[in-house]
């Protein structure tokens, strides 16, 4: 007489097929063996100290877990955590411990999702994330040599994907930053008494549109300003394109021959010469 089992017949048959055991009554032993592997892996993961042998033992536990878990729990093969676990050995060697890295990874992923879909607590985010997260998971899975069980025929092209994506790393693009700084600094002065013009921090389109709403005849006023400064043909420059910046600095030569550096920032209060009041203060908005 067979002992009673809490496994459904259909589930037991699936596990028997996946694990390759000879009889259905041996399926519970396969399930127990699976959880033994999981327990050993958890003990290795949360070890407070690691040696060279410990790293090798951890890697073997993770590989054994990756093999047996999908056989007993078929749905696990599509879980991202199963893939992430294969990188724990590398994290252990990098940071020396895994006691806290799991929390960091989860918080990091949560912040990424919040950045992709704002207000995640007030909407159904499945449709927003599925096209991003599933695509990234598929790339990682195939890069590690994984096979998608939903496809009946493996694609030989995926075997080279790992080599294509290996040895890549992220770093700051200093050349682009230096080029941007160089471009910002490369401003030609229309007059001799102003030099060393530097423009920084390009203004966003939203802020630019808000400013233009408060200045009805911006181009006309800009043209009049050029004329007042006697810049001649420079008044036509703005007709082609206008660049907007939040920060500007330049060197001006005073009438007595001395030089002064002027620094202007959006929303600063500046003193200007006024024909009616001699001197007045204005808020710098453009």
C-alpha atoms as a PDB file:
ATOM      1  CA  UNK A   1       0.000   0.000   0.000  1.00  0.00           C
ATOM      2  CA  UNK A   2       1.390   3.386  -1.034  1.00  0.00           C
ATOM      3  CA  UNK A   3       1.906   6.018   1.635  1.00  0.00           C
ATOM      4  CA  UNK A   4      -0.355   9.087   1.363  1.00  0.00           C
ATOM      5  CA  UNK A   5       1.259  12.058  -0.379  1.00  0.00           C
ATOM      6  CA  UNK A   6       0.401  15.749  -0.376  1.00  0.00           C
ATOM      7  CA  UNK A   7       1.513  16.025  -4.011  1.00  0.00           C
ATOM      8  CA  UNK A   8      -1.111  16.093  -6.724  1.00  0.00           C
ATOM      9  CA  UNK A   9      -0.867  13.261  -9.214  1.00  0.00           C
ATOM     10  CA  UNK A  10      -0.285  15.644 -12.113  1.00  0.00           C
ATOM     11  CA  UNK A  11       2.487  17.473 -10.254  1.00  0.00           C
ATOM     12  CA  UNK A  12       4.085  14.219  -9.151  1.00  0.00           C
ATOM     13  CA  UNK A  13       4.038  12.946 -12.735  1.00  0.00           C
ATOM     14  CA  UNK A  14       5.694  16.145 -13.977  1.00  0.00           C
ATOM     15  CA  UNK A  15       8.418  15.963 -11.325  1.00  0.00           C
ATOM     16  CA  UNK A  16       8.976  12.257 -12.104  1.00  0.00           C
ATOM     17  CA  UNK A  17       9.428  13.104 -15.780  1.00  0.00           C
ATOM     18  CA  UNK A  18      11.767  16.058 -15.111  1.00  0.00           C
ATOM     19  CA  UNK A  19      13.943  14.339 -12.512  1.00  0.00           C
ATOM     20  CA  UNK A  20      14.048  10.979 -14.292  1.00  0.00           C
ATOM     21  CA  UNK A  21      13.235   8.869 -11.211  1.00  0.00           C
ATOM     22  CA  UNK A  22      12.145   5.299 -11.884  1.00  0.00           C
ATOM     23  CA  UNK A  23       8.936   5.217  -9.814  1.00  0.00           C
ATOM     24  CA  UNK A  24       6.300   7.715  -8.737  1.00  0.00           C
ATOM     25  CA  UNK A  25       6.858   6.873  -5.055  1.00  0.00           C
ATOM     26  CA  UNK A  26      10.418   8.230  -5.352  1.00  0.00           C
ATOM     27  CA  UNK A  27       9.185  11.718  -6.233  1.00  0.00           C
ATOM     28  CA  UNK A  28       8.941  12.899  -2.575  1.00  0.00           C
ATOM     29  CA  UNK A  29      12.618  12.023  -2.142  1.00  0.00           C
ATOM     30  CA  UNK A  30      13.421  14.232  -5.142  1.00  0.00           C
ATOM     31  CA  UNK A  31      11.508  17.107  -3.542  1.00  0.00           C
ATOM     32  CA  UNK A  32      13.359  16.586  -0.254  1.00  0.00           C
ATOM     33  CA  UNK A  33      16.671  16.459  -2.122  1.00  0.00           C
ATOM     34  CA  UNK A  34      15.766  19.749  -3.807  1.00  0.00           C
ATOM     35  CA  UNK A  35      15.182  21.503  -0.492  1.00  0.00           C
ATOM     36  CA  UNK A  36      18.392  20.021   0.906  1.00  0.00           C
ATOM     37  CA  UNK A  37      20.267  21.673  -1.979  1.00  0.00           C
ATOM     38  CA  UNK A  38      18.460  24.962  -1.283  1.00  0.00           C
ATOM     39  CA  UNK A  39      19.330  24.776   2.434  1.00  0.00           C
ATOM     40  CA  UNK A  40      23.003  24.109   1.673  1.00  0.00           C
ATOM     41  CA  UNK A  41      23.041  27.017  -0.750  1.00  0.00           C
ATOM     42  CA  UNK A  42      21.469  29.381   1.791  1.00  0.00           C
ATOM     43  CA  UNK A  43      24.029  28.350   4.400  1.00  0.00           C
ATOM     44  CA  UNK A  44      26.837  29.069   1.947  1.00  0.00           C
ATOM     45  CA  UNK A  45      25.320  32.393   0.857  1.00  0.00           C
ATOM     46  CA  UNK A  46      24.919  33.749   4.378  1.00  0.00           C
ATOM     47  CA  UNK A  47      28.324  32.639   5.602  1.00  0.00           C
ATOM     48  CA  UNK A  48      30.098  35.372   7.554  1.00  0.00           C
ATOM     49  CA  UNK A  49      33.540  34.398   6.241  1.00  0.00           C
ATOM     50  CA  UNK A  50      34.769  33.255   2.842  1.00  0.00           C
ATOM     51  CA  UNK A  51      37.936  31.476   1.775  1.00  0.00           C
ATOM     52  CA  UNK A  52      39.082  30.257  -1.634  1.00  0.00           C
ATOM     53  CA  UNK A  53      37.454  26.916  -0.905  1.00  0.00           C
ATOM     54  CA  UNK A  54      34.275  28.661   0.252  1.00  0.00           C
ATOM     55  CA  UNK A  55      33.963  30.505  -3.051  1.00  0.00           C
ATOM     56  CA  UNK A  56      34.262  27.223  -4.946  1.00  0.00           C
ATOM     57  CA  UNK A  57      31.746  25.539  -2.654  1.00  0.00           C
ATOM     58  CA  UNK A  58      29.325  28.443  -3.078  1.00  0.00           C
ATOM     59  CA  UNK A  59      29.626  28.277  -6.862  1.00  0.00           C
ATOM     60  CA  UNK A  60      28.916  24.520  -6.856  1.00  0.00           C
ATOM     61  CA  UNK A  61      25.889  24.956  -4.569  1.00  0.00           C
ATOM     62  CA  UNK A  62      24.484  27.646  -6.846  1.00  0.00           C
ATOM     63  CA  UNK A  63      24.989  25.475  -9.929  1.00  0.00           C
ATOM     64  CA  UNK A  64      23.333  22.452  -8.284  1.00  0.00           C
ATOM     65  CA  UNK A  65      20.425  24.627  -7.152  1.00  0.00           C
ATOM     66  CA  UNK A  66      20.020  26.024 -10.670  1.00  0.00           C
ATOM     67  CA  UNK A  67      19.775  22.483 -12.054  1.00  0.00           C
ATOM     68  CA  UNK A  68      17.393  20.904  -9.552  1.00  0.00           C
ATOM     69  CA  UNK A  69      14.976  23.756  -8.779  1.00  0.00           C
ATOM     70  CA  UNK A  70      13.457  23.997 -12.295  1.00  0.00           C
ATOM     71  CA  UNK A  71      13.034  20.207 -12.349  1.00  0.00           C
ATOM     72  CA  UNK A  72      10.900  20.212  -9.215  1.00  0.00           C
ATOM     73  CA  UNK A  73       9.317  23.648  -9.696  1.00  0.00           C
ATOM     74  CA  UNK A  74       9.028  24.209 -13.447  1.00  0.00           C
ATOM     75  CA  UNK A  75       7.846  27.812 -13.097  1.00  0.00           C
ATOM     76  CA  UNK A  76      11.117  28.772 -11.417  1.00  0.00           C
ATOM     77  CA  UNK A  77      12.994  28.703 -14.713  1.00  0.00           C
ATOM     78  CA  UNK A  78      11.518  32.076 -15.706  1.00  0.00           C
ATOM     79  CA  UNK A  79      12.163  33.807 -12.367  1.00  0.00           C
ATOM     80  CA  UNK A  80      14.800  36.526 -12.384  1.00  0.00           C
ATOM     81  CA  UNK A  81      16.006  35.588  -8.882  1.00  0.00           C
ATOM     82  CA  UNK A  82      17.245  32.242 -10.192  1.00  0.00           C
ATOM     83  CA  UNK A  83      19.420  34.075 -12.687  1.00  0.00           C
ATOM     84  CA  UNK A  84      20.603  36.679 -10.153  1.00  0.00           C
ATOM     85  CA  UNK A  85      21.768  33.915  -7.805  1.00  0.00           C
ATOM     86  CA  UNK A  86      24.352  32.806 -10.366  1.00  0.00           C
ATOM     87  CA  UNK A  87      26.134  36.128  -9.859  1.00  0.00           C
ATOM     88  CA  UNK A  88      26.356  35.806  -6.064  1.00  0.00           C
ATOM     89  CA  UNK A  89      29.755  34.126  -6.220  1.00  0.00           C
ATOM     90  CA  UNK A  90      31.168  37.111  -8.089  1.00  0.00           C
ATOM     91  CA  UNK A  91      29.565  39.516  -5.591  1.00  0.00           C
ATOM     92  CA  UNK A  92      31.034  37.539  -2.682  1.00  0.00           C
ATOM     93  CA  UNK A  93      34.542  37.815  -4.126  1.00  0.00           C
ATOM     94  CA  UNK A  94      34.043  41.511  -4.873  1.00  0.00           C
ATOM     95  CA  UNK A  95      32.540  42.642  -1.558  1.00  0.00           C
ATOM     96  CA  UNK A  96      33.823  39.911   0.769  1.00  0.00           C
ATOM     97  CA  UNK A  97      30.351  39.026   2.084  1.00  0.00           C
ATOM     98  CA  UNK A  98      26.776  38.539   0.926  1.00  0.00           C
ATOM     99  CA  UNK A  99      25.043  39.345   4.194  1.00  0.00           C
ATOM    100  CA  UNK A 100      23.849  42.778   3.051  1.00  0.00           C
ATOM    101  CA  UNK A 101      24.133  42.768  -0.738  1.00  0.00           C
ATOM    102  CA  UNK A 102      20.726  41.153  -1.245  1.00  0.00           C
ATOM    103  CA  UNK A 103      18.990  44.113   0.394  1.00  0.00           C
ATOM    104  CA  UNK A 104      21.014  46.493  -1.730  1.00  0.00           C
ATOM    105  CA  UNK A 105      20.122  44.675  -4.946  1.00  0.00           C
ATOM    106  CA  UNK A 106      16.410  44.737  -4.141  1.00  0.00           C
ATOM    107  CA  UNK A 107      16.481  48.412  -3.248  1.00  0.00           C
ATOM    108  CA  UNK A 108      18.447  49.184  -6.403  1.00  0.00           C
ATOM    109  CA  UNK A 109      15.925  47.356  -8.601  1.00  0.00           C
ATOM    110  CA  UNK A 110      13.069  49.128  -6.817  1.00  0.00           C
ATOM    111  CA  UNK A 111      14.645  52.516  -7.516  1.00  0.00           C
ATOM    112  CA  UNK A 112      15.128  51.601 -11.174  1.00  0.00           C
ATOM    113  CA  UNK A 113      11.452  50.656 -11.462  1.00  0.00           C
ATOM    114  CA  UNK A 114      10.415  53.884  -9.729  1.00  0.00           C
ATOM    115  CA  UNK A 115      12.492  55.828 -12.221  1.00  0.00           C
ATOM    116  CA  UNK A 116      10.909  54.021 -15.165  1.00  0.00           C
ATOM    117  CA  UNK A 117       7.329  54.326 -13.917  1.00  0.00           C
ATOM    118  CA  UNK A 118       6.633  57.215 -11.488  1.00  0.00           C
ATOM    119  CA  UNK A 119       3.909  56.742  -8.870  1.00  0.00           C
ATOM    120  CA  UNK A 120       4.136  52.946  -8.904  1.00  0.00           C
ATOM    121  CA  UNK A 121       1.937  52.713  -5.816  1.00  0.00           C
ATOM    122  CA  UNK A 122      -1.051  54.229  -7.594  1.00  0.00           C
ATOM    123  CA  UNK A 123      -1.246  52.276 -10.844  1.00  0.00           C
ATOM    124  CA  UNK A 124      -0.949  48.852 -12.452  1.00  0.00           C
ATOM    125  CA  UNK A 125       2.662  48.845 -13.627  1.00  0.00           C
ATOM    126  CA  UNK A 126       2.707  45.420 -15.305  1.00  0.00           C
ATOM    127  CA  UNK A 127       2.225  46.767 -18.815  1.00  0.00           C
ATOM    128  CA  UNK A 128       4.793  49.525 -18.255  1.00  0.00           C
ATOM    129  CA  UNK A 129       7.514  47.216 -17.006  1.00  0.00           C
ATOM    130  CA  UNK A 130       6.979  44.025 -18.984  1.00  0.00           C
ATOM    131  CA  UNK A 131       8.444  45.341 -22.228  1.00  0.00           C
ATOM    132  CA  UNK A 132      11.539  46.615 -20.384  1.00  0.00           C
ATOM    133  CA  UNK A 133      12.166  44.043 -17.669  1.00  0.00           C
ATOM    134  CA  UNK A 134      11.391  40.919 -19.717  1.00  0.00           C
ATOM    135  CA  UNK A 135      13.631  42.122 -22.530  1.00  0.00           C
ATOM    136  CA  UNK A 136      16.547  42.707 -20.146  1.00  0.00           C
ATOM    137  CA  UNK A 137      15.981  39.347 -18.466  1.00  0.00           C
ATOM    138  CA  UNK A 138      15.951  37.568 -21.835  1.00  0.00           C
ATOM    139  CA  UNK A 139      19.242  39.185 -22.847  1.00  0.00           C
ATOM    140  CA  UNK A 140      20.902  38.245 -19.552  1.00  0.00           C
ATOM    141  CA  UNK A 141      19.537  34.700 -19.677  1.00  0.00           C
ATOM    142  CA  UNK A 142      20.729  34.080 -23.232  1.00  0.00           C
ATOM    143  CA  UNK A 143      24.083  35.762 -22.538  1.00  0.00           C
ATOM    144  CA  UNK A 144      24.710  33.229 -19.774  1.00  0.00           C
ATOM    145  CA  UNK A 145      24.085  30.371 -22.208  1.00  0.00           C
ATOM    146  CA  UNK A 146      20.537  29.703 -21.019  1.00  0.00           C
ATOM    147  CA  UNK A 147      17.945  27.975 -23.174  1.00  0.00           C
ATOM    148  CA  UNK A 148      14.333  29.116 -23.306  1.00  0.00           C
ATOM    149  CA  UNK A 149      12.113  26.006 -22.916  1.00  0.00           C
ATOM    150  CA  UNK A 150       9.324  27.738 -24.833  1.00  0.00           C
ATOM    151  CA  UNK A 151      11.319  27.306 -28.046  1.00  0.00           C
ATOM    152  CA  UNK A 152      11.403  23.806 -29.506  1.00  0.00           C
ATOM    153  CA  UNK A 153      14.581  24.465 -31.478  1.00  0.00           C
ATOM    154  CA  UNK A 154      17.621  26.211 -29.954  1.00  0.00           C
ATOM    155  CA  UNK A 155      19.119  29.110 -31.876  1.00  0.00           C
ATOM    156  CA  UNK A 156      22.818  28.602 -32.573  1.00  0.00           C
ATOM    157  CA  UNK A 157      23.349  32.360 -32.841  1.00  0.00           C
ATOM    158  CA  UNK A 158      22.793  32.757 -29.105  1.00  0.00           C
ATOM    159  CA  UNK A 159      25.903  30.721 -28.317  1.00  0.00           C
ATOM    160  CA  UNK A 160      28.091  33.635 -29.424  1.00  0.00           C
ATOM    161  CA  UNK A 161      26.050  36.273 -27.608  1.00  0.00           C
ATOM    162  CA  UNK A 162      27.997  35.839 -24.386  1.00  0.00           C
ATOM    163  CA  UNK A 163      31.323  36.500 -26.119  1.00  0.00           C
ATOM    164  CA  UNK A 164      29.855  39.563 -27.811  1.00  0.00           C
ATOM    165  CA  UNK A 165      28.781  41.106 -24.493  1.00  0.00           C
ATOM    166  CA  UNK A 166      31.796  40.057 -22.403  1.00  0.00           C
ATOM    167  CA  UNK A 167      34.573  42.397 -21.245  1.00  0.00           C
ATOM    168  CA  UNK A 168      32.326  45.470 -21.410  1.00  0.00           C
ATOM    169  CA  UNK A 169      32.114  48.010 -18.619  1.00  0.00           C
ATOM    170  CA  UNK A 170      30.582  51.430 -17.980  1.00  0.00           C
ATOM    171  CA  UNK A 171      32.671  54.525 -17.389  1.00  0.00           C
ATOM    172  CA  UNK A 172      32.344  58.270 -17.592  1.00  0.00           C
ATOM    173  CA  UNK A 173      32.578  59.649 -21.122  1.00  0.00           C
ATOM    174  CA  UNK A 174      35.206  62.280 -20.371  1.00  0.00           C
ATOM    175  CA  UNK A 175      35.839  63.042 -24.029  1.00  0.00           C
ATOM    176  CA  UNK A 176      32.216  64.088 -24.544  1.00  0.00           C
ATOM    177  CA  UNK A 177      32.254  66.176 -21.369  1.00  0.00           C
ATOM    178  CA  UNK A 178      35.460  67.925 -22.413  1.00  0.00           C
ATOM    179  CA  UNK A 179      34.046  68.489 -25.889  1.00  0.00           C
ATOM    180  CA  UNK A 180      30.869  69.964 -24.392  1.00  0.00           C
ATOM    181  CA  UNK A 181      32.873  72.265 -22.138  1.00  0.00           C
ATOM    182  CA  UNK A 182      35.000  73.301 -25.088  1.00  0.00           C
ATOM    183  CA  UNK A 183      31.913  74.030 -27.165  1.00  0.00           C
ATOM    184  CA  UNK A 184      30.319  76.025 -24.342  1.00  0.00           C
ATOM    185  CA  UNK A 185      33.462  78.120 -23.910  1.00  0.00           C
ATOM    186  CA  UNK A 186      33.891  78.752 -27.623  1.00  0.00           C
ATOM    187  CA  UNK A 187      31.839  81.971 -27.806  1.00  0.00           C
ATOM    188  CA  UNK A 188      33.004  84.872 -29.953  1.00  0.00           C
ATOM    189  CA  UNK A 189      32.504  88.336 -28.509  1.00  0.00           C
ATOM    190  CA  UNK A 190      30.881  90.881 -30.868  1.00  0.00           C
ATOM    191  CA  UNK A 191      32.788  93.747 -29.200  1.00  0.00           C
ATOM    192  CA  UNK A 192      36.407  94.265 -28.171  1.00  0.00           C
ATOM    193  CA  UNK A 193      35.758  95.288 -24.549  1.00  0.00           C
ATOM    194  CA  UNK A 194      34.079  91.932 -23.701  1.00  0.00           C
ATOM    195  CA  UNK A 195      36.125  88.699 -23.760  1.00  0.00           C
ATOM    196  CA  UNK A 196      36.357  85.215 -22.234  1.00  0.00           C
ATOM    197  CA  UNK A 197      32.634  84.553 -22.630  1.00  0.00           C
ATOM    198  CA  UNK A 198      31.581  81.255 -21.044  1.00  0.00           C
ATOM    199  CA  UNK A 199      28.081  79.746 -21.167  1.00  0.00           C
ATOM    200  CA  UNK A 200      27.066  76.785 -18.991  1.00  0.00           C
ATOM    201  CA  UNK A 201      24.033  74.710 -18.041  1.00  0.00           C
ATOM    202  CA  UNK A 202      21.736  74.594 -21.027  1.00  0.00           C
ATOM    203  CA  UNK A 203      18.184  75.570 -20.079  1.00  0.00           C
ATOM    204  CA  UNK A 204      15.453  72.938 -20.357  1.00  0.00           C
ATOM    205  CA  UNK A 205      12.690  73.374 -22.918  1.00  0.00           C
ATOM    206  CA  UNK A 206      10.089  73.588 -20.141  1.00  0.00           C
ATOM    207  CA  UNK A 207      11.839  76.506 -18.411  1.00  0.00           C
ATOM    208  CA  UNK A 208      12.448  78.211 -21.738  1.00  0.00           C
ATOM    209  CA  UNK A 209       8.777  77.983 -22.704  1.00  0.00           C
ATOM    210  CA  UNK A 210       7.736  79.356 -19.306  1.00  0.00           C
ATOM    211  CA  UNK A 211       9.994  82.384 -19.783  1.00  0.00           C
ATOM    212  CA  UNK A 212       8.706  83.090 -23.281  1.00  0.00           C
ATOM    213  CA  UNK A 213       5.140  83.130 -21.983  1.00  0.00           C
ATOM    214  CA  UNK A 214       6.059  86.098 -19.788  1.00  0.00           C
ATOM    215  CA  UNK A 215       7.942  87.941 -22.545  1.00  0.00           C
ATOM    216  CA  UNK A 216       5.531  88.695 -25.372  1.00  0.00           C
ATOM    217  CA  UNK A 217       7.908  90.339 -27.852  1.00  0.00           C
ATOM    218  CA  UNK A 218      11.159  88.619 -26.999  1.00  0.00           C
ATOM    219  CA  UNK A 219      12.777  88.828 -30.450  1.00  0.00           C
ATOM    220  CA  UNK A 220      11.877  92.483 -30.847  1.00  0.00           C
ATOM    221  CA  UNK A 221      13.328  93.344 -27.439  1.00  0.00           C
ATOM    222  CA  UNK A 222      16.456  91.340 -28.207  1.00  0.00           C
ATOM    223  CA  UNK A 223      16.891  93.198 -31.482  1.00  0.00           C
ATOM    224  CA  UNK A 224      16.526  96.560 -29.715  1.00  0.00           C
ATOM    225  CA  UNK A 225      19.123  95.497 -27.142  1.00  0.00           C
ATOM    226  CA  UNK A 226      21.628  94.738 -29.891  1.00  0.00           C
ATOM    227  CA  UNK A 227      20.938  98.113 -31.498  1.00  0.00           C
ATOM    228  CA  UNK A 228      21.341  99.962 -28.178  1.00  0.00           C
ATOM    229  CA  UNK A 229      24.750  98.329 -27.763  1.00  0.00           C
ATOM    230  CA  UNK A 230      25.667  99.380 -31.321  1.00  0.00           C
ATOM    231  CA  UNK A 231      26.510  95.830 -32.353  1.00  0.00           C
ATOM    232  CA  UNK A 232      25.474  96.347 -35.953  1.00  0.00           C
ATOM    233  CA  UNK A 233      25.017  93.113 -37.915  1.00  0.00           C
ATOM    234  CA  UNK A 234      25.157  91.035 -34.735  1.00  0.00           C
ATOM    235  CA  UNK A 235      21.476  91.856 -34.265  1.00  0.00           C
ATOM    236  CA  UNK A 236      20.679  89.369 -37.015  1.00  0.00           C
ATOM    237  CA  UNK A 237      22.353  86.414 -35.303  1.00  0.00           C
ATOM    238  CA  UNK A 238      19.295  85.508 -33.274  1.00  0.00           C
ATOM    239  CA  UNK A 239      17.170  84.988 -36.390  1.00  0.00           C
ATOM    240  CA  UNK A 240      18.921  81.695 -37.160  1.00  0.00           C
ATOM    241  CA  UNK A 241      19.013  80.010 -33.766  1.00  0.00           C
ATOM    242  CA  UNK A 242      18.964  80.931 -30.101  1.00  0.00           C
ATOM    243  CA  UNK A 243      20.808  78.955 -27.424  1.00  0.00           C
ATOM    244  CA  UNK A 244      19.576  79.242 -23.846  1.00  0.00           C
ATOM    245  CA  UNK A 245      21.798  78.912 -20.777  1.00  0.00           C
ATOM    246  CA  UNK A 246      21.349  79.361 -17.037  1.00  0.00           C
ATOM    247  CA  UNK A 247      24.904  80.527 -16.335  1.00  0.00           C
ATOM    248  CA  UNK A 248      27.150  83.044 -18.103  1.00  0.00           C
ATOM    249  CA  UNK A 249      30.457  84.693 -17.287  1.00  0.00           C
ATOM    250  CA  UNK A 250      32.691  87.119 -19.164  1.00  0.00           C
ATOM    251  CA  UNK A 251      35.506  89.625 -18.710  1.00  0.00           C
ATOM    252  CA  UNK A 252      34.808  93.296 -19.409  1.00  0.00           C
ATOM    253  CA  UNK A 253      37.286  96.129 -19.868  1.00  0.00           C
ATOM    254  CA  UNK A 254      36.253  99.267 -17.990  1.00  0.00           C
ATOM    255  CA  UNK A 255      36.709 102.793 -19.358  1.00  0.00           C
ATOM    256  CA  UNK A 256      39.726 103.326 -17.082  1.00  0.00           C
ATOM    257  CA  UNK A 257      41.470 100.269 -18.577  1.00  0.00           C
ATOM    258  CA  UNK A 258      40.868  97.858 -15.705  1.00  0.00           C
ATOM    259  CA  UNK A 259      39.348  94.421 -16.218  1.00  0.00           C
ATOM    260  CA  UNK A 260      36.490  92.897 -14.244  1.00  0.00           C
ATOM    261  CA  UNK A 261      34.982  89.417 -14.387  1.00  0.00           C
ATOM    262  CA  UNK A 262      31.186  89.314 -14.442  1.00  0.00           C
ATOM    263  CA  UNK A 263      29.253  86.204 -13.438  1.00  0.00           C
ATOM    264  CA  UNK A 264      25.523  85.934 -14.110  1.00  0.00           C
ATOM    265  CA  UNK A 265      23.134  83.197 -13.049  1.00  0.00           C
ATOM    266  CA  UNK A 266      19.466  82.823 -13.829  1.00  0.00           C
ATOM    267  CA  UNK A 267      17.238  84.477 -11.153  1.00  0.00           C
ATOM    268  CA  UNK A 268      20.107  86.589  -9.787  1.00  0.00           C
ATOM    269  CA  UNK A 269      19.320  90.190  -8.808  1.00  0.00           C
ATOM    270  CA  UNK A 270      21.525  92.606 -10.729  1.00  0.00           C
ATOM    271  CA  UNK A 271      22.067  96.372 -10.730  1.00  0.00           C
ATOM    272  CA  UNK A 272      21.632  98.154 -14.069  1.00  0.00           C
ATOM    273  CA  UNK A 273      21.892 101.729 -15.301  1.00  0.00           C
ATOM    274  CA  UNK A 274      18.482 103.257 -15.862  1.00  0.00           C
ATOM    275  CA  UNK A 275      17.842 106.487 -17.802  1.00  0.00           C
ATOM    276  CA  UNK A 276      15.039 107.571 -15.463  1.00  0.00           C
ATOM    277  CA  UNK A 277      16.323 106.416 -12.062  1.00  0.00           C
ATOM    278  CA  UNK A 278      20.086 106.321 -12.725  1.00  0.00           C
ATOM    279  CA  UNK A 279      20.435 102.894 -11.067  1.00  0.00           C
ATOM    280  CA  UNK A 280      17.904 100.131 -10.439  1.00  0.00           C
ATOM    281  CA  UNK A 281      17.750  96.444  -9.595  1.00  0.00           C
ATOM    282  CA  UNK A 282      16.263  93.720 -11.769  1.00  0.00           C
ATOM    283  CA  UNK A 283      15.712  90.002 -11.527  1.00  0.00           C
ATOM    284  CA  UNK A 284      17.683  88.214 -14.250  1.00  0.00           C
ATOM    285  CA  UNK A 285      15.238  85.955 -16.109  1.00  0.00           C
ATOM    286  CA  UNK A 286      16.755  85.696 -19.608  1.00  0.00           C
END
